[in-house]
Protein backbone atom coordinates (compact mmCIF):
# COMPACT_ATOMS: atom_id res chain seq x y z
CA MET A 1 -2.27 -16.49 9.91
CA HIS A 2 0.20 -16.07 7.06
CA GLY A 3 0.91 -19.41 5.39
CA CYS A 4 -1.60 -22.24 5.61
CA GLY A 5 0.60 -25.30 5.33
CA GLY A 6 0.84 -27.86 8.13
CA VAL A 7 2.02 -25.44 10.83
CA GLY A 8 -0.33 -22.67 9.75
CA LEU A 9 -3.39 -24.92 9.60
CA SER A 10 -2.55 -26.31 13.03
CA ALA A 11 -2.41 -22.74 14.35
CA VAL A 12 -5.76 -21.98 12.68
CA MET A 13 -7.36 -24.97 14.44
CA ILE A 14 -5.90 -24.09 17.84
CA ALA A 15 -6.83 -20.40 17.55
CA ALA A 16 -10.38 -21.21 16.41
CA ALA A 17 -10.77 -23.74 19.25
CA SER A 18 -9.66 -21.02 21.65
CA GLY A 19 -12.37 -18.66 20.39
CA ALA A 20 -10.24 -16.42 18.16
CA ARG A 21 -11.60 -14.96 14.94
CA VAL A 22 -8.99 -16.17 12.47
CA VAL A 23 -8.04 -14.51 9.19
CA ALA A 24 -5.99 -16.82 6.95
CA VAL A 25 -3.65 -15.56 4.21
CA ASP A 26 -2.17 -17.80 1.51
CA VAL A 27 -1.57 -18.03 -2.24
CA ALA A 28 -3.12 -21.48 -2.65
CA PRO A 29 -6.91 -21.77 -2.96
CA LYS A 30 -6.87 -25.33 -1.52
CA ALA A 31 -4.94 -24.12 1.55
CA LEU A 32 -7.48 -21.33 2.09
CA GLU A 33 -10.33 -23.80 1.69
CA LEU A 34 -8.76 -26.02 4.37
CA ALA A 35 -8.21 -22.99 6.62
CA ARG A 36 -11.90 -22.14 6.37
CA THR A 37 -12.83 -25.78 7.09
CA PHE A 38 -10.57 -25.72 10.15
CA GLY A 39 -12.13 -22.55 11.56
CA ALA A 40 -10.87 -19.45 9.74
CA ALA A 41 -13.58 -16.79 9.73
CA ALA A 42 -12.10 -15.03 6.68
CA CYS A 43 -9.53 -15.83 4.02
CA VAL A 44 -7.30 -13.56 1.93
CA ASP A 45 -5.95 -14.86 -1.37
CA ALA A 46 -2.52 -13.23 -1.63
CA ARG A 47 -2.41 -13.88 -5.39
CA GLU A 48 -5.38 -11.57 -5.88
CA THR A 49 -4.75 -9.11 -3.05
CA PRO A 50 -1.68 -6.92 -3.58
CA ASP A 51 -1.74 -5.49 -0.03
CA THR A 52 -2.64 -8.36 2.29
CA ALA A 53 -1.83 -6.28 5.38
CA ALA A 54 -4.47 -3.70 4.41
CA ALA A 55 -6.96 -6.52 3.80
CA VAL A 56 -6.26 -7.96 7.27
CA ARG A 57 -6.63 -4.51 8.88
CA GLU A 58 -9.96 -4.05 7.09
CA LEU A 59 -11.28 -7.52 7.98
CA THR A 60 -10.33 -7.07 11.64
CA GLY A 61 -11.55 -3.51 12.10
CA GLY A 62 -8.13 -1.90 12.50
CA GLY A 63 -5.64 -4.76 12.59
CA ALA A 64 -5.06 -8.14 14.15
CA HIS A 65 -4.23 -8.52 17.81
CA LEU A 66 -1.94 -11.44 16.97
CA SER A 67 -0.40 -12.53 13.68
CA LEU A 68 1.73 -15.55 12.88
CA ASP A 69 3.97 -15.95 9.86
CA ALA A 70 4.25 -19.69 9.29
CA LEU A 71 5.69 -19.34 5.79
CA GLY A 72 8.89 -17.46 6.50
CA SER A 73 9.48 -15.09 3.63
CA PRO A 74 10.47 -11.42 3.97
CA ALA A 75 7.16 -10.47 2.30
CA THR A 76 4.98 -12.50 4.68
CA CYS A 77 6.93 -11.31 7.70
CA ALA A 78 6.39 -7.67 6.69
CA ALA A 79 2.72 -8.28 5.87
CA SER A 80 2.20 -9.95 9.24
CA VAL A 81 3.72 -6.99 11.12
CA ASN A 82 1.92 -4.44 8.94
CA GLY A 83 -1.45 -6.12 9.54
CA LEU A 84 -1.32 -5.63 13.32
CA ARG A 85 -3.21 -3.12 15.41
CA ARG A 86 -1.61 -0.98 18.14
CA ARG A 87 0.08 -3.15 20.81
CA GLY A 88 -0.39 -6.25 18.63
CA ARG A 89 1.92 -9.25 18.61
CA HIS A 90 3.76 -10.84 15.67
CA VAL A 91 5.13 -14.38 15.99
CA GLN A 92 7.66 -15.50 13.40
CA VAL A 93 7.32 -19.27 13.12
CA GLY A 94 8.57 -19.84 9.58
CA LEU A 95 12.31 -19.58 9.09
CA LEU A 96 13.52 -16.61 7.08
CA PRO A 97 16.29 -17.88 4.81
CA SER A 98 18.25 -15.14 3.14
CA ALA A 99 21.62 -15.02 1.42
CA ASP A 100 23.13 -12.61 3.93
CA GLY A 101 21.27 -13.83 7.04
CA THR A 102 19.21 -10.67 7.52
CA THR A 103 15.54 -9.91 6.89
CA PRO A 104 13.99 -6.44 6.67
CA VAL A 105 11.29 -5.98 9.30
CA PRO A 106 9.10 -2.84 9.52
CA LEU A 107 10.58 -1.64 12.82
CA ALA A 108 9.27 1.92 12.45
CA ARG A 109 5.74 0.50 12.66
CA ALA A 110 6.72 -1.82 15.52
CA ILE A 111 8.03 1.13 17.52
CA ALA A 112 5.21 3.55 16.63
CA LEU A 113 2.47 1.03 17.50
CA GLU A 114 4.34 -0.58 20.42
CA LEU A 115 4.20 -4.00 18.78
CA GLU A 116 5.64 -7.19 20.21
CA LEU A 117 7.83 -9.25 17.85
CA LEU A 118 8.52 -12.85 18.88
CA GLY A 119 10.34 -15.75 17.31
CA SER A 120 9.53 -19.42 17.66
CA HIS A 121 11.74 -22.30 16.61
CA GLY A 122 9.53 -25.28 17.37
CA MET A 123 8.13 -26.94 20.45
CA ALA A 124 9.26 -29.67 22.76
CA ALA A 125 7.94 -33.15 21.99
CA HIS A 126 6.45 -33.52 25.47
CA THR A 127 3.95 -30.73 24.64
CA TYR A 128 2.57 -32.46 21.50
CA PRO A 129 -0.31 -34.28 23.28
CA ARG A 130 -1.62 -30.98 24.68
CA CYS A 131 -1.43 -29.42 21.21
CA TRP A 132 -3.25 -32.38 19.66
CA SER A 133 -6.04 -32.10 22.22
CA TRP A 134 -6.57 -28.45 21.20
CA SER A 135 -6.68 -29.42 17.54
CA GLY A 136 -9.21 -32.16 18.27
CA ARG A 137 -11.55 -29.65 19.88
CA ALA A 138 -11.37 -27.39 16.83
CA CYS A 139 -12.23 -29.97 14.24
CA SER A 140 -13.16 -33.61 14.37
CA GLY A 141 -14.69 -36.16 12.07
CA PRO A 142 -14.21 -37.16 8.46
CA THR A 143 -14.72 -33.66 7.03
CA CYS A 144 -11.58 -32.45 8.79
CA TRP A 145 -9.22 -35.33 8.29
């Protein structure tokens, strides 16, 4: 999980509730602390780790099966793709604002490792209750909220 703001922490909770071993990446110590509280098995401080993709590959024994970029910067998008294992899946949740409307993505790696690259632009309001029920299973009580 790249970016542990509201969307990223929600994804951490849902993934942990589903049994995934979550690795959280962020630049803010408080965000990483919350990610660990909400179920992240490992955290990578991007301020202190120059190559977060290598750290994710090491922590996951060869790369993540699934990686989400909830921040939406060219650097986090590339790190998310570069942290995947063969046949892994990258989901771009955070918007990628750029002056010219393009973002460099490591496509050579995507092709070589047969990666899946997906984009997500939100979810329909009628699916919120199902999402909230997943979050409730991951973390409940005063220590989480």
